[in-house]
Protein backbone atom coordinates (compact mmCIF):
# COMPACT_ATOMS: atom_id res chain seq x y z
CA MET A 1 201.18 -0.99 -43.90
CA ILE A 2 199.46 -4.29 -44.78
CA LYS A 3 198.99 -5.27 -41.05
CA PHE A 4 197.20 -2.03 -40.48
CA ILE A 5 194.81 -2.59 -43.29
CA ILE A 6 194.14 -6.23 -42.34
CA TYR A 7 193.61 -4.99 -38.66
CA LYS A 8 191.37 -2.24 -39.85
CA TYR A 9 189.42 -4.63 -41.89
CA LYS A 10 188.97 -6.97 -38.90
CA ILE A 11 187.56 -4.17 -36.88
CA VAL A 12 184.86 -3.39 -39.61
CA ILE A 13 183.96 -7.04 -39.60
CA MET A 14 183.54 -7.07 -35.82
CA LYS A 15 181.35 -4.06 -35.91
CA LYS A 16 179.09 -5.48 -38.55
CA GLY A 17 178.95 -8.72 -36.48
CA GLY A 18 177.60 -6.84 -33.44
CA SER A 19 174.87 -5.25 -35.55
CA PHE A 20 174.02 -8.63 -37.08
CA PHE A 21 173.81 -10.08 -33.43
CA TRP A 22 171.35 -7.34 -32.20
CA GLY A 23 169.23 -7.70 -35.30
CA LEU A 24 169.01 -11.38 -34.76
CA ILE A 25 167.88 -10.84 -31.18
CA LEU A 26 165.37 -8.27 -32.16
CA GLY A 27 164.08 -10.47 -34.94
CA THR A 28 163.77 -13.36 -32.61
CA MET A 29 161.79 -11.28 -30.09
CA THR A 30 159.52 -9.88 -32.77
CA GLY A 31 158.95 -13.33 -34.13
CA LEU A 32 157.92 -14.60 -30.62
CA ILE A 33 155.45 -11.79 -30.01
CA VAL A 34 153.86 -12.20 -33.42
CA GLY A 35 153.72 -15.98 -32.96
CA ILE A 36 152.01 -15.57 -29.55
CA LEU A 37 149.48 -13.13 -31.02
CA LEU A 38 148.61 -15.09 -34.04
CA ALA A 39 148.70 -18.54 -32.41
CA PRO A 40 145.44 -20.61 -33.06
CA ARG A 41 143.91 -19.88 -29.55
CA LYS A 42 140.71 -18.44 -28.42
CA GLU A 43 140.94 -14.59 -28.00
CA ASP A 44 140.01 -14.90 -24.45
CA LYS A 45 142.87 -17.00 -23.72
CA ILE A 46 145.28 -14.72 -25.50
CA LYS A 47 143.98 -11.75 -23.65
CA ASN A 48 144.28 -13.67 -20.24
CA ILE A 49 147.92 -14.60 -21.15
CA LEU A 50 148.85 -11.17 -22.20
CA GLY A 51 147.00 -9.70 -19.19
CA LYS A 52 148.88 -11.84 -16.72
CA LYS A 53 152.10 -11.20 -18.37
CA THR A 54 151.47 -7.45 -18.44
CA GLU A 55 150.59 -7.57 -14.73
CA GLU A 56 153.74 -9.50 -13.82
CA LEU A 57 155.75 -6.91 -15.81
CA ARG A 58 154.13 -4.04 -14.05
CA GLU A 59 154.74 -5.67 -10.61
CA ASN A 60 158.44 -6.29 -11.46
CA LEU A 61 158.85 -2.72 -12.70
CA GLN A 62 157.30 -1.35 -9.65
CA GLU A 63 159.57 -3.47 -7.43
CA ILE A 64 162.65 -2.29 -9.51
CA SER A 65 161.54 1.31 -9.20
CA LYS A 66 161.24 0.93 -5.40
CA LYS A 67 164.78 -0.56 -5.17
CA ILE A 68 166.11 2.31 -7.25
CA GLY A 69 164.31 4.87 -5.24
CA LYS A 70 165.75 3.42 -1.94
CA GLN A 71 169.31 3.39 -3.51
CA VAL A 72 168.91 7.14 -4.61
CA HIS A 73 167.69 8.04 -1.25
CA LYS A 74 170.48 6.35 0.36
CA ILE A 75 173.12 7.94 -1.85
CA LYS A 76 171.44 11.30 -1.36
CA SER A 77 171.62 10.90 2.49
CA ASN A 78 175.22 9.84 2.46
CA PHE A 79 176.19 12.79 0.23
CA GLU A 80 174.33 15.30 2.41
CA ALA A 81 175.88 13.91 5.50
CA LYS A 82 179.32 14.16 3.94
CA TRP A 83 178.67 17.56 2.51
CA LYS A 84 177.60 18.84 6.07
CA LYS A 85 180.74 17.26 7.64
CA ASN A 86 183.03 18.79 5.14
CA LYS A 87 181.39 22.13 5.51
CA ILE A 88 181.82 22.13 9.34
CA ASP A 89 185.51 20.94 8.87
CA LYS A 90 186.18 23.62 6.52
CA MET A 91 184.56 26.21 8.78
CA ASP A 92 186.70 25.05 11.78
CA GLN A 93 189.86 25.30 9.42
CA VAL A 94 189.10 28.83 8.50
CA GLU A 95 188.33 29.75 12.13
CA GLU A 96 191.75 28.39 13.15
CA GLU A 97 193.57 30.15 10.45
CA LEU A 98 191.95 33.49 11.47
CA GLY A 99 192.47 32.78 15.00
CA THR A 100 188.85 33.31 16.10
């Protein structure tokens, strides 16, 4: 009985540790963004930096979406080919059983 309680207590600690970890990551990212925005630079430099980073992010997302689209198309094509082959095989099997 005592081992179960200790074991259960360790699970609770591990779950809270995971929440703390994600909170730490989120807080760090928020701090970096706020730091960049409030850094003592000219507004034009900040806008240029953010514009460049936004453009890079947009290009990366477009590239990723193209890759995903190609993979989805490939999976769809493979599925359709297997479906047609299976359909033809089943039709042949039924014809053989019926003797036609």
